[in-house]
């Protein structure tokens, strides 16, 4: 019998189950990836573990389990319907070259039937049908049948349905097997199942068997040690276990909706209200982003955060909330989620400050921009059928009044208009602004390569970090990094623009360490030992009690998980190309190794 449970119980049951099966619990990584320049956010549970899925040894061992914070922006415009979310939690268990299909499927079956209470005959599964790159996965299907899943409950589907990855153009990938459970509604017909699309069968879990590494030339090379990567969404499963349609109807959001209804003085501002759903979802996501160090800005992660906050503010105004409110919603999120994510309580003041500052700034933008938008709309003849706001006029709203394109598009849609977005981008490019379209490309995901050039640039960020602390002050801290095979980008906390003399000094310090041909060593030590030695603990939340400590000669010591050069001598000449503001209180350096 299906067991009713809340999200906290689901998380606990999942972690405890896999710990009993020999898995080490690891903490959630931050929402901002450290070593992946092609992706703005941690988009899946496997994202922070890519180096280990490719063969690097994980400090916690070969069997891992976690609850990972994730954020995806591809469906941001769909948030407001009963189902879409940007921020979500993903339960995952991992085998890094240890067990494979038989044990993974057996544990999934045991958890679904014993811990969650699903009857075997009410579970349907899908397996990979096979193609020119990999054969049909008869092995997985045979394991399910042996465990008690009726053969007629197994479907074979193609790559669009039963193949995972790679997240970018290259990387680990392989067939998967997905588990489906039924909603309480009649079959759509004799062939009703996971592939029919009627909505009765809901995917509840996914076991990915990473057997291949896709290369840059499109080949699928078998991995020497295949891995298992699984994913079960907390929000989706919680809703299912409680017998409701969506996560918005569960305790994951009930406290937030209660606060929205109170602030709006409207009991109907609840999970059934589209605007209330936007406010609840976007401010929950924003709270987690700020806790992980993101600040509202005009590019990259900051751009997304600003968009989430501003969309929430506009929808709240339509609900009748005209006073400052964002930090009040954040307080609910902090209160209800801090047991699972302590970083929320640790950064509560920063969360409130950033939300208040952004909300105050946007209030004036919203008032002035809305007035000008309405003037623009009034100029269209009422009888006109195809009502299109030109890209130039949309850009003028942005440039003159700070009115984001997304806001213009949302308001236009509500009034039966469309926006010439291509024309907007052309106008934007002409004014030599940062291209929003370029930033959006990063939302598609992908994984950084681990070439020698990338490894050298990663080591250069360690040298740069220490050089900045020596040149500016010892409180300078890394706020993010972005590394490709061509260049590095390094964000750090500092209020003032660096002088040319300071930039030159930093370059000289880094190049001196390269010239010294220092050895780069890696040790696995406890987090406590790393701190005692004076290591810089960047992104500590993503590591467990055992960490990798990288030391560059006698110069720098950092906790890190990325690829590194073995020595500094062959790295090349370090050159800073640009030093600029990234966001409030954060500077950005772009540099190369020549």
Protein backbone atom coordinates (compact mmCIF):
# COMPACT_ATOMS: atom_id res chain seq x y z
CA UNK A 1 0.00 0.00 0.00
CA UNK A 2 1.34 3.45 -0.98
CA UNK A 3 2.61 5.28 2.09
CA UNK A 4 1.61 8.91 2.65
CA UNK A 5 4.63 11.06 3.46
CA UNK A 6 6.00 14.57 3.43
CA UNK A 7 9.16 15.73 1.69
CA UNK A 8 11.29 15.64 4.85
CA UNK A 9 10.38 11.98 5.41
CA UNK A 10 11.05 11.16 1.75
CA UNK A 11 14.51 12.72 1.91
CA UNK A 12 15.30 10.90 5.17
CA UNK A 13 14.02 7.52 3.97
CA UNK A 14 16.00 7.77 0.74
CA UNK A 15 19.28 8.72 2.41
CA UNK A 16 18.93 6.11 5.16
CA UNK A 17 18.01 3.37 2.69
CA UNK A 18 21.11 3.85 0.59
CA UNK A 19 23.36 4.32 3.59
CA UNK A 20 22.21 0.87 4.70
CA UNK A 21 23.34 -0.33 1.27
CA UNK A 22 26.86 0.99 1.72
CA UNK A 23 26.52 4.50 0.27
CA UNK A 24 28.23 7.54 1.78
CA UNK A 25 26.02 10.62 2.12
CA UNK A 26 27.47 13.73 0.45
CA UNK A 27 26.24 17.30 0.76
CA UNK A 28 24.45 19.14 -2.00
CA UNK A 29 26.73 21.16 -4.24
CA UNK A 30 25.92 24.86 -4.76
CA UNK A 31 23.60 25.91 -7.57
CA UNK A 32 26.55 27.56 -9.37
CA UNK A 33 28.93 24.96 -10.90
CA UNK A 34 32.57 25.51 -10.09
CA UNK A 35 34.25 23.83 -13.06
CA UNK A 36 31.75 23.98 -15.91
CA UNK A 37 31.93 27.13 -18.06
CA UNK A 38 29.20 25.91 -20.41
CA UNK A 39 26.44 25.84 -17.82
CA UNK A 40 25.24 28.64 -15.58
CA UNK A 41 23.62 26.42 -12.98
CA UNK A 42 23.70 22.94 -11.50
CA UNK A 43 20.98 21.45 -13.65
CA UNK A 44 20.99 17.82 -12.51
CA UNK A 45 22.17 15.68 -9.64
CA UNK A 46 25.01 14.28 -11.71
CA UNK A 47 26.37 17.69 -12.70
CA UNK A 48 28.77 18.19 -9.75
CA UNK A 49 29.97 14.59 -10.01
CA UNK A 50 31.08 14.60 -13.65
CA UNK A 51 34.84 14.37 -12.90
CA UNK A 52 34.16 11.26 -10.80
CA UNK A 53 31.83 9.72 -13.38
CA UNK A 54 34.73 10.07 -15.82
CA UNK A 55 37.09 8.15 -13.54
CA UNK A 56 38.48 10.57 -10.95
CA UNK A 57 38.46 9.11 -7.43
CA UNK A 58 35.86 10.61 -5.08
CA UNK A 59 37.06 11.23 -1.51
CA UNK A 60 33.93 9.61 -0.05
CA UNK A 61 34.27 6.38 -2.02
CA UNK A 62 32.54 4.55 -4.86
CA UNK A 63 28.96 4.53 -3.51
CA UNK A 64 27.34 7.91 -2.90
CA UNK A 65 23.88 9.26 -2.06
CA UNK A 66 22.66 12.84 -1.89
CA UNK A 67 19.87 15.36 -2.22
CA UNK A 68 21.06 17.88 -4.81
CA UNK A 69 19.75 21.40 -5.35
CA UNK A 70 19.10 22.04 -9.05
CA UNK A 71 17.93 24.95 -11.17
CA UNK A 72 16.82 24.93 -14.80
CA UNK A 73 15.76 28.01 -16.74
CA UNK A 74 14.58 26.47 -20.01
CA UNK A 75 10.95 26.47 -18.85
CA UNK A 76 11.03 29.75 -16.95
CA UNK A 77 8.24 31.21 -19.06
CA UNK A 78 6.03 28.21 -18.26
CA UNK A 79 6.26 28.74 -14.49
CA UNK A 80 2.79 29.77 -13.43
CA UNK A 81 1.07 26.62 -14.68
CA UNK A 82 0.41 23.93 -12.04
CA UNK A 83 3.57 21.93 -12.78
CA UNK A 84 6.68 23.82 -13.93
CA UNK A 85 9.48 24.77 -11.53
CA UNK A 86 12.89 26.39 -11.97
CA UNK A 87 14.34 25.25 -8.61
CA UNK A 88 13.93 21.62 -7.57
CA UNK A 89 15.57 18.95 -5.44
CA UNK A 90 16.90 15.71 -6.87
CA UNK A 91 17.48 12.53 -4.88
CA UNK A 92 20.32 10.47 -6.31
CA UNK A 93 22.44 7.41 -5.64
CA UNK A 94 25.69 6.79 -7.47
CA UNK A 95 28.01 3.96 -8.30
CA UNK A 96 31.44 5.10 -9.44
CA UNK A 97 32.78 1.98 -11.11
CA UNK A 98 31.27 -0.26 -8.40
CA UNK A 99 27.87 -1.95 -8.87
CA UNK A 100 26.02 -1.75 -12.17
CA UNK A 101 22.62 -2.66 -13.62
CA UNK A 102 21.60 -5.65 -11.55
CA UNK A 103 22.24 -4.12 -8.13
CA UNK A 104 21.01 -0.64 -9.13
CA UNK A 105 17.70 -1.96 -10.44
CA UNK A 106 17.28 -4.26 -7.44
CA UNK A 107 17.74 -1.35 -5.01
CA UNK A 108 15.30 0.79 -6.99
CA UNK A 109 12.74 -1.99 -6.91
CA UNK A 110 13.22 -2.52 -3.18
CA UNK A 111 12.85 1.20 -2.38
CA UNK A 112 9.73 1.59 -4.50
CA UNK A 113 7.99 -1.50 -3.11
CA UNK A 114 9.24 -1.71 0.50
CA UNK A 115 9.86 1.94 1.43
CA UNK A 116 7.21 3.69 -0.68
CA UNK A 117 4.68 0.86 -0.84
CA UNK A 118 4.07 0.41 -4.57
CA UNK A 119 2.77 -2.98 -5.69
CA UNK A 120 5.04 -4.59 -8.38
CA UNK A 121 2.08 -5.07 -10.73
CA UNK A 122 1.42 -1.29 -10.58
CA UNK A 123 4.90 -0.35 -11.74
CA UNK A 124 5.70 -0.03 -15.43
CA UNK A 125 9.22 0.44 -16.76
CA UNK A 126 10.88 1.49 -19.98
CA UNK A 127 14.24 0.34 -21.37
CA UNK A 128 16.40 1.48 -24.28
CA UNK A 129 15.27 0.07 -27.63
CA UNK A 130 18.73 0.22 -29.22
CA UNK A 131 20.13 2.03 -32.25
CA UNK A 132 23.32 2.27 -34.31
CA UNK A 133 25.32 3.44 -31.26
CA UNK A 134 24.23 0.89 -28.65
CA UNK A 135 22.20 -2.35 -28.55
CA UNK A 136 18.74 -2.89 -27.06
CA UNK A 137 18.97 -3.13 -23.29
CA UNK A 138 17.70 -6.67 -22.81
CA UNK A 139 19.88 -6.96 -19.71
CA UNK A 140 17.93 -4.31 -17.80
CA UNK A 141 14.59 -5.74 -18.92
CA UNK A 142 15.62 -9.23 -17.81
CA UNK A 143 16.53 -7.94 -14.34
CA UNK A 144 13.11 -6.29 -13.95
CA UNK A 145 11.33 -9.50 -14.98
CA UNK A 146 13.38 -11.54 -12.50
CA UNK A 147 12.41 -9.12 -9.72
CA UNK A 148 8.70 -9.50 -10.43
CA UNK A 149 7.75 -6.79 -12.95
CA UNK A 150 5.36 -8.41 -15.48
CA UNK A 151 6.86 -8.60 -18.96
CA UNK A 152 3.85 -6.79 -20.41
CA UNK A 153 4.71 -3.84 -18.14
CA UNK A 154 8.04 -3.28 -19.93
CA UNK A 155 8.31 -0.99 -22.96
CA UNK A 156 11.31 -0.35 -25.21
CA UNK A 157 11.78 3.25 -26.33
CA UNK A 158 14.39 5.13 -28.34
CA UNK A 159 17.05 7.66 -27.47
CA UNK A 160 14.60 10.51 -26.97
CA UNK A 161 13.09 8.62 -24.03
CA UNK A 162 15.60 6.12 -22.68
CA UNK A 163 19.05 7.58 -23.13
CA UNK A 164 20.74 10.09 -20.88
CA UNK A 165 23.44 12.53 -21.85
CA UNK A 166 25.82 13.79 -22.45
CA UNK A 167 24.74 17.10 -20.91
CA UNK A 168 26.77 18.92 -23.56
CA UNK A 169 28.40 17.86 -26.81
CA UNK A 170 30.72 15.41 -25.09
CA UNK A 171 30.88 13.43 -21.88
CA UNK A 172 29.50 10.38 -20.08
CA UNK A 173 26.21 8.94 -21.31
CA UNK A 174 24.29 5.74 -21.70
CA UNK A 175 20.94 3.94 -21.72
CA UNK A 176 18.52 4.35 -18.85
CA UNK A 177 15.54 2.56 -17.41
CA UNK A 178 12.64 4.64 -16.13
CA UNK A 179 10.00 3.67 -13.59
CA UNK A 180 6.36 4.81 -13.89
CA UNK A 181 3.43 4.63 -11.48
CA UNK A 182 -0.27 5.26 -12.26
CA UNK A 183 -2.48 8.17 -11.35
CA UNK A 184 -5.98 7.32 -10.17
CA UNK A 185 -7.70 7.57 -13.54
CA UNK A 186 -8.87 5.06 -16.19
CA UNK A 187 -6.64 3.74 -18.97
CA UNK A 188 -6.86 5.62 -22.25
CA UNK A 189 -7.06 2.32 -24.11
CA UNK A 190 -5.52 -1.15 -24.46
CA UNK A 191 -2.03 0.30 -25.12
CA UNK A 192 -2.11 2.74 -22.17
CA UNK A 193 1.40 3.05 -20.75
CA UNK A 194 4.44 5.30 -20.40
CA UNK A 195 4.67 5.92 -24.14
CA UNK A 196 1.04 6.80 -24.86
CA UNK A 197 1.19 10.34 -23.52
CA UNK A 198 -2.26 10.38 -21.91
CA UNK A 199 -0.83 11.40 -18.54
CA UNK A 200 -1.99 8.44 -16.47
CA UNK A 201 1.52 7.02 -16.04
CA UNK A 202 3.94 9.29 -14.18
CA UNK A 203 7.72 8.85 -14.23
CA UNK A 204 8.91 8.53 -10.65
CA UNK A 205 12.55 7.43 -10.99
CA UNK A 206 15.29 7.07 -13.55
CA UNK A 207 18.35 4.80 -13.43
CA UNK A 208 21.05 5.89 -15.87
CA UNK A 209 23.74 3.40 -16.86
CA UNK A 210 26.75 5.41 -17.96
CA UNK A 211 28.51 2.96 -20.23
CA UNK A 212 29.93 5.35 -22.82
CA UNK A 213 31.88 8.55 -23.25
CA UNK A 214 30.76 10.51 -26.31
CA UNK A 215 33.79 12.09 -28.00
CA UNK A 216 34.01 15.36 -29.90
CA UNK A 217 33.84 13.47 -33.20
CA UNK A 218 30.57 11.77 -32.24
CA UNK A 219 31.90 8.36 -31.26
CA UNK A 220 30.55 6.42 -28.28
CA UNK A 221 33.54 4.90 -26.51
CA UNK A 222 32.82 2.36 -23.75
CA UNK A 223 33.93 3.54 -20.33
CA UNK A 224 36.53 1.38 -18.66
CA UNK A 225 34.48 1.48 -15.46
CA UNK A 226 30.77 2.08 -16.12
CA UNK A 227 28.80 4.06 -13.56
CA UNK A 228 25.25 4.35 -12.26
CA UNK A 229 23.52 7.70 -11.88
CA UNK A 230 19.93 7.83 -10.64
CA UNK A 231 17.45 10.63 -10.18
CA UNK A 232 14.18 10.98 -8.25
CA UNK A 233 12.57 14.42 -7.99
CA UNK A 234 11.58 15.39 -4.44
CA UNK A 235 8.75 17.68 -5.52
CA UNK A 236 7.19 15.24 -7.97
CA UNK A 237 7.37 12.22 -5.68
CA UNK A 238 6.12 14.18 -2.66
CA UNK A 239 3.06 15.27 -4.64
CA UNK A 240 2.40 11.74 -5.80
CA UNK A 241 2.74 10.26 -2.31
CA UNK A 242 0.24 12.81 -1.01
CA UNK A 243 -2.26 12.14 -3.79
CA UNK A 244 -2.21 15.67 -5.19
CA UNK A 245 -1.63 16.97 -8.71
CA UNK A 246 1.45 19.12 -8.18
CA UNK A 247 4.15 20.19 -5.74
CA UNK A 248 2.32 23.49 -5.28
CA UNK A 249 -0.33 21.60 -3.28
CA UNK A 250 2.18 20.12 -0.81
CA UNK A 251 3.84 21.46 2.32
CA UNK A 252 6.84 22.43 0.16
CA UNK A 253 4.80 25.50 -0.83
CA UNK A 254 1.87 25.73 1.61
CA UNK A 255 3.68 28.06 4.02
CA UNK A 256 4.73 30.33 1.18
CA UNK A 257 1.20 30.54 -0.20
CA UNK A 258 -0.16 31.30 3.27
CA UNK A 259 2.22 34.26 3.50
CA UNK A 260 1.32 35.48 0.00
CA UNK A 261 -2.40 35.30 0.80
CA UNK A 262 -1.81 37.21 4.03
CA UNK A 263 0.24 39.94 2.33
CA UNK A 264 -2.32 40.25 -0.48
CA UNK A 265 -5.22 40.09 1.99
CA UNK A 266 -6.72 37.57 -0.40
CA UNK A 267 -7.34 33.91 0.58
CA UNK A 268 -7.59 33.01 -3.11
CA UNK A 269 -3.90 33.87 -3.67
CA UNK A 270 -3.10 30.18 -3.26
CA UNK A 271 -1.87 27.20 -5.28
CA UNK A 272 -4.79 27.57 -7.69
CA UNK A 273 -3.74 31.11 -8.62
CA UNK A 274 -1.28 31.47 -11.50
CA UNK A 275 0.20 34.73 -10.22
CA UNK A 276 0.65 33.34 -6.72
CA UNK A 277 2.45 30.31 -8.16
CA UNK A 278 4.91 32.59 -10.00
CA UNK A 279 5.60 34.58 -6.82
CA UNK A 280 6.05 31.44 -4.69
CA UNK A 281 8.24 29.56 -7.15
CA UNK A 282 10.46 32.44 -8.22
CA UNK A 283 11.15 33.72 -4.70
CA UNK A 284 11.87 30.20 -3.43
CA UNK A 285 14.41 29.83 -6.24
CA UNK A 286 15.82 33.32 -5.60
CA UNK A 287 16.32 32.59 -1.91
CA UNK A 288 18.40 29.52 -2.71
CA UNK A 289 20.41 31.35 -5.39
CA UNK A 290 21.37 34.20 -3.10
CA UNK A 291 22.34 31.72 -0.36
CA UNK A 292 24.77 30.22 -2.87
CA UNK A 293 26.41 33.58 -3.56
CA UNK A 294 24.50 34.86 -6.61
CA UNK A 295 23.63 38.57 -6.67
CA UNK A 296 21.19 40.30 -9.05
CA UNK A 297 23.02 41.62 -12.12
CA UNK A 298 22.91 42.08 -15.86
CA UNK A 299 24.78 38.96 -17.02
CA UNK A 300 24.90 35.24 -16.41
CA UNK A 301 23.58 33.94 -13.06
CA UNK A 302 22.87 37.45 -11.82
CA UNK A 303 20.71 38.12 -14.87
CA UNK A 304 18.58 35.06 -14.17
CA UNK A 305 18.21 35.97 -10.50
CA UNK A 306 17.16 39.51 -11.40
CA UNK A 307 14.64 38.16 -13.87
CA UNK A 308 13.13 35.81 -11.26
CA UNK A 309 12.82 38.54 -8.64
CA UNK A 310 11.37 41.11 -11.01
CA UNK A 311 8.83 38.71 -12.47
CA UNK A 312 7.74 37.83 -8.93
CA UNK A 313 7.42 41.50 -7.98
CA UNK A 314 5.27 42.29 -11.00
CA UNK A 315 2.93 39.36 -10.38
CA UNK A 316 2.68 40.31 -6.70
CA UNK A 317 1.61 43.83 -7.65
CA UNK A 318 -1.18 42.30 -9.74
CA UNK A 319 -2.25 40.31 -6.66
CA UNK A 320 -2.51 43.53 -4.68
CA UNK A 321 0.78 43.38 -2.76
CA UNK A 322 2.16 46.91 -3.05
CA UNK A 323 4.46 47.06 -0.02
CA UNK A 324 7.94 45.55 0.23
CA UNK A 325 7.41 41.81 0.49
CA UNK A 326 10.18 39.70 -1.08
CA UNK A 327 12.24 39.29 2.08
CA UNK A 328 9.07 38.27 3.97
CA UNK A 329 8.55 35.39 1.55
CA UNK A 330 12.24 34.51 1.86
CA UNK A 331 11.86 34.31 5.63
CA UNK A 332 9.29 31.55 5.15
CA UNK A 333 11.62 29.65 2.80
CA UNK A 334 14.52 30.04 5.23
CA UNK A 335 12.42 28.83 8.15
CA UNK A 336 10.99 25.80 6.37
CA UNK A 337 14.06 24.62 4.42
CA UNK A 338 17.00 25.34 6.74
CA UNK A 339 16.90 21.93 8.39
CA UNK A 340 17.71 20.37 5.02
CA UNK A 341 19.84 23.27 3.75
CA UNK A 342 21.62 25.06 6.65
CA UNK A 343 23.22 27.57 4.28
CA UNK A 344 19.86 29.37 4.08
CA UNK A 345 19.95 30.29 7.77
CA UNK A 346 23.67 31.05 7.59
CA UNK A 347 23.12 33.62 4.84
CA UNK A 348 19.71 34.89 5.96
CA UNK A 349 20.84 38.52 6.32
CA UNK A 350 22.44 38.57 2.87
CA UNK A 351 19.29 37.04 1.35
CA UNK A 352 17.08 39.73 2.87
CA UNK A 353 19.47 42.54 1.93
CA UNK A 354 19.76 41.51 -1.72
CA UNK A 355 16.01 41.00 -2.13
CA UNK A 356 15.20 44.33 -0.48
CA UNK A 357 17.72 46.19 -2.60
CA UNK A 358 16.52 44.64 -5.85
CA UNK A 359 12.86 45.13 -5.00
CA UNK A 360 13.41 48.83 -4.17
CA UNK A 361 15.34 49.36 -7.38
CA UNK A 362 12.74 47.61 -9.49
CA UNK A 363 9.76 49.45 -7.99
CA UNK A 364 10.70 52.65 -9.80
CA UNK A 365 11.52 50.76 -13.00
CA UNK A 366 8.16 49.00 -12.91
CA UNK A 367 6.21 52.20 -12.36
CA UNK A 368 7.93 54.23 -15.09
CA UNK A 369 8.21 51.37 -17.57
CA UNK A 370 4.58 50.32 -17.19
CA UNK A 371 3.45 53.88 -17.85
CA UNK A 372 5.51 54.06 -21.05
CA UNK A 373 4.42 50.56 -22.11
CA UNK A 374 0.77 51.58 -21.80
CA UNK A 375 1.42 54.70 -23.89
CA UNK A 376 2.96 52.49 -26.55
CA UNK A 377 -0.01 50.11 -26.58
CA UNK A 378 -2.51 52.97 -26.86
CA UNK A 379 -0.97 54.01 -30.19
CA UNK A 380 -2.03 50.79 -31.93
CA UNK A 381 -5.32 50.96 -33.86
CA UNK A 382 -7.94 48.82 -32.06
CA UNK A 383 -8.95 47.05 -35.28
CA UNK A 384 -5.38 45.88 -36.06
CA UNK A 385 -5.20 42.07 -36.03
CA UNK A 386 -1.46 41.33 -35.91
CA UNK A 387 -0.26 43.55 -33.11
CA UNK A 388 3.54 43.42 -32.93
CA UNK A 389 5.74 45.64 -30.77
CA UNK A 390 8.88 46.34 -32.77
CA UNK A 391 12.29 45.30 -31.48
CA UNK A 392 13.42 48.93 -31.52
CA UNK A 393 10.54 50.06 -29.30
CA UNK A 394 11.05 47.13 -26.93
CA UNK A 395 14.72 48.02 -26.72
CA UNK A 396 13.87 51.64 -26.03
CA UNK A 397 11.80 50.51 -23.04
CA UNK A 398 14.83 48.56 -21.85
CA UNK A 399 17.50 51.20 -22.51
CA UNK A 400 15.56 54.24 -21.28
CA UNK A 401 13.45 52.79 -18.48
CA UNK A 402 15.32 49.59 -17.57
CA UNK A 403 12.30 47.53 -18.59
CA UNK A 404 13.46 43.95 -19.31
CA UNK A 405 12.46 42.28 -22.56
CA UNK A 406 10.82 39.43 -20.61
CA UNK A 407 8.54 41.89 -18.85
CA UNK A 408 7.59 43.58 -22.12
CA UNK A 409 6.87 40.18 -23.63
CA UNK A 410 4.77 39.00 -20.66
CA UNK A 411 2.68 42.19 -20.59
CA UNK A 412 2.30 42.18 -24.36
CA UNK A 413 1.06 38.58 -24.30
CA UNK A 414 -1.59 39.45 -21.72
CA UNK A 415 -2.95 42.14 -24.07
CA UNK A 416 -2.87 40.07 -27.27
CA UNK A 417 0.42 41.46 -28.60
CA UNK A 418 3.72 39.88 -29.60
CA UNK A 419 7.24 41.33 -29.52
CA UNK A 420 9.83 41.29 -32.31
CA UNK A 421 12.52 39.68 -30.14
CA UNK A 422 14.97 39.29 -33.02
CA UNK A 423 14.71 43.00 -33.65
CA UNK A 424 15.30 43.64 -29.95
CA UNK A 425 18.49 41.57 -30.01
CA UNK A 426 19.72 43.41 -33.10
CA UNK A 427 19.13 46.76 -31.42
CA UNK A 428 20.81 45.47 -28.28
CA UNK A 429 23.91 44.37 -30.24
CA UNK A 430 24.19 47.70 -32.01
CA UNK A 431 24.56 49.46 -28.68
CA UNK A 432 27.41 47.10 -27.80
CA UNK A 433 25.58 45.66 -24.81
CA UNK A 434 26.12 42.23 -23.41
CA UNK A 435 24.03 39.97 -25.64
CA UNK A 436 21.26 38.31 -23.73
CA UNK A 437 21.09 35.69 -26.45
CA UNK A 438 24.73 34.82 -25.81
CA UNK A 439 24.06 34.34 -22.12
CA UNK A 440 21.00 32.22 -22.85
CA UNK A 441 23.17 29.81 -24.84
CA UNK A 442 24.74 28.78 -21.56
CA UNK A 443 21.39 27.60 -20.25
CA UNK A 444 21.56 24.67 -22.63
CA UNK A 445 24.12 22.95 -20.43
CA UNK A 446 27.21 20.96 -21.24
CA UNK A 447 30.40 19.92 -19.55
CA UNK A 448 33.82 21.51 -19.54
CA UNK A 449 36.59 19.53 -21.12
CA UNK A 450 39.50 18.36 -19.03
CA UNK A 451 42.25 19.06 -21.56
CA UNK A 452 45.78 20.07 -20.58
CA UNK A 453 44.96 23.71 -21.38
CA UNK A 454 41.90 23.67 -19.17
CA UNK A 455 43.84 21.99 -16.37
CA UNK A 456 46.59 24.62 -16.63
CA UNK A 457 44.07 27.46 -16.51
CA UNK A 458 42.41 25.87 -13.49
CA UNK A 459 45.75 25.81 -11.71
CA UNK A 460 46.25 29.43 -12.77
CA UNK A 461 43.06 30.41 -10.89
CA UNK A 462 44.65 29.10 -7.68
CA UNK A 463 47.76 31.20 -8.31
CA UNK A 464 45.61 34.20 -9.21
CA UNK A 465 43.51 33.85 -6.08
CA UNK A 466 46.55 33.84 -3.82
CA UNK A 467 48.17 36.70 -5.76
CA UNK A 468 45.03 38.82 -5.31
CA UNK A 469 45.05 38.18 -1.57
CA UNK A 470 48.71 39.20 -1.39
CA UNK A 471 48.19 42.32 -3.52
CA UNK A 472 44.79 43.59 -2.31
CA UNK A 473 44.02 42.07 1.08
CA UNK A 474 43.65 38.70 2.73
CA UNK A 475 39.85 38.91 2.83
CA UNK A 476 39.55 38.58 -0.94
CA UNK A 477 37.50 35.45 -1.65
CA UNK A 478 36.55 33.62 -4.82
CA UNK A 479 32.96 34.32 -5.90
CA UNK A 480 32.92 32.11 -9.00
CA UNK A 481 35.02 30.90 -11.90
CA UNK A 482 34.50 30.04 -15.54
CA UNK A 483 37.18 28.15 -17.43
CA UNK A 484 37.44 27.10 -21.07
CA UNK A 485 40.41 25.77 -23.00
CA UNK A 486 41.13 29.34 -24.17
CA UNK A 487 40.81 31.52 -21.07
CA UNK A 488 39.83 31.79 -17.45
CA UNK A 489 37.32 34.07 -15.79
CA UNK A 490 37.62 34.63 -12.06
CA UNK A 491 35.15 36.51 -9.83
CA UNK A 492 36.30 37.70 -6.42
CA UNK A 493 34.94 39.79 -3.57
CA UNK A 494 36.41 43.31 -3.61
CA UNK A 495 34.76 46.71 -3.60
CA UNK A 496 37.16 48.86 -5.64
CA UNK A 497 38.40 48.84 -9.20
CA UNK A 498 41.96 47.56 -9.37
CA UNK A 499 44.63 50.03 -10.42
CA UNK A 500 46.97 49.27 -13.36
CA UNK A 501 49.77 48.89 -10.83
CA UNK A 502 47.82 46.31 -8.86
CA UNK A 503 46.99 44.35 -12.02
CA UNK A 504 50.66 44.35 -13.02
CA UNK A 505 51.69 43.19 -9.54
CA UNK A 506 49.24 40.30 -9.65
CA UNK A 507 50.52 39.24 -13.08
CA UNK A 508 54.12 39.37 -11.85
CA UNK A 509 53.35 37.24 -8.79
CA UNK A 510 51.58 34.57 -10.84
CA UNK A 511 54.30 34.46 -13.50
CA UNK A 512 56.95 34.18 -10.81
CA UNK A 513 55.27 31.01 -9.50
CA UNK A 514 55.07 29.63 -13.04
CA UNK A 515 58.74 30.37 -13.55
CA UNK A 516 59.57 28.51 -10.31
CA UNK A 517 58.12 25.31 -11.85
CA UNK A 518 56.27 24.35 -8.68
CA UNK A 519 54.88 20.86 -8.18
CA UNK A 520 51.09 20.56 -7.87
CA UNK A 521 50.13 17.88 -5.36
CA UNK A 522 46.79 16.47 -4.22
CA UNK A 523 45.97 14.91 -0.85
CA UNK A 524 42.78 13.47 0.54
CA UNK A 525 42.36 14.82 4.06
CA UNK A 526 39.54 15.61 6.44
CA UNK A 527 37.89 18.99 6.13
CA UNK A 528 39.08 19.80 9.64
CA UNK A 529 42.72 19.05 8.77
CA UNK A 530 42.46 21.17 5.60
CA UNK A 531 41.21 24.11 7.64
CA UNK A 532 43.90 23.65 10.28
CA UNK A 533 46.54 23.84 7.57
CA UNK A 534 45.11 27.16 6.42
CA UNK A 535 43.57 25.96 3.17
CA UNK A 536 41.06 28.16 1.41
CA UNK A 537 37.75 26.30 1.60
CA UNK A 538 35.96 27.33 -1.56
CA UNK A 539 32.45 26.00 -1.97
CA UNK A 540 32.77 23.83 1.10
CA UNK A 541 29.11 22.82 0.93
CA UNK A 542 29.82 20.60 -2.07
CA UNK A 543 32.38 18.47 -0.26
CA UNK A 544 32.01 15.85 2.44
CA UNK A 545 34.15 15.32 5.50
CA UNK A 546 37.00 14.04 3.30
CA UNK A 547 38.21 16.59 0.75
CA UNK A 548 40.82 16.96 -1.97
CA UNK A 549 43.50 19.45 -0.99
CA UNK A 550 45.57 20.87 -3.86
CA UNK A 551 48.90 22.45 -2.96
CA UNK A 552 51.00 24.41 -5.46
CA UNK A 553 54.53 24.24 -4.10
CA UNK A 554 54.87 26.50 -1.06
CA UNK A 555 52.58 29.13 -2.60
CA UNK A 556 48.91 28.13 -2.40
CA UNK A 557 46.65 25.54 -0.78
CA UNK A 558 42.98 25.13 -1.71
CA UNK A 559 40.16 22.63 -1.35
CA UNK A 560 39.16 21.80 -4.91
CA UNK A 561 37.74 19.09 -7.13
CA UNK A 562 38.85 20.08 -10.62
CA UNK A 563 41.64 19.05 -13.00
CA UNK A 564 45.11 20.56 -12.50
CA UNK A 565 48.47 20.77 -14.23
CA UNK A 566 51.13 18.51 -12.61
CA UNK A 567 53.64 21.40 -12.50
CA UNK A 568 53.53 25.14 -13.14
CA UNK A 569 56.58 25.34 -15.37
CA UNK A 570 54.86 24.43 -18.65
CA UNK A 571 51.73 26.50 -18.11
CA UNK A 572 52.81 29.51 -20.20
CA UNK A 573 52.80 33.25 -19.55
CA UNK A 574 49.89 34.58 -17.48
CA UNK A 575 48.22 37.71 -18.85
CA UNK A 576 45.19 39.61 -17.48
CA UNK A 577 43.02 40.82 -20.37
CA UNK A 578 40.35 42.66 -18.40
CA UNK A 579 39.39 43.65 -14.85
CA UNK A 580 35.82 44.82 -14.39
CA UNK A 581 32.78 44.84 -12.13
CA UNK A 582 30.73 41.63 -12.08
CA UNK A 583 28.08 42.68 -9.55
CA UNK A 584 27.88 44.74 -6.41
CA UNK A 585 30.98 44.04 -4.31
CA UNK A 586 32.34 41.53 -6.82
CA UNK A 587 35.09 42.14 -9.40
CA UNK A 588 35.88 39.98 -12.42
CA UNK A 589 39.18 39.15 -14.08
CA UNK A 590 39.55 37.59 -17.52
CA UNK A 591 42.97 36.14 -18.25
CA UNK A 592 44.88 33.80 -20.56
CA UNK A 593 47.99 31.66 -20.60
CA UNK A 594 50.04 32.64 -23.65
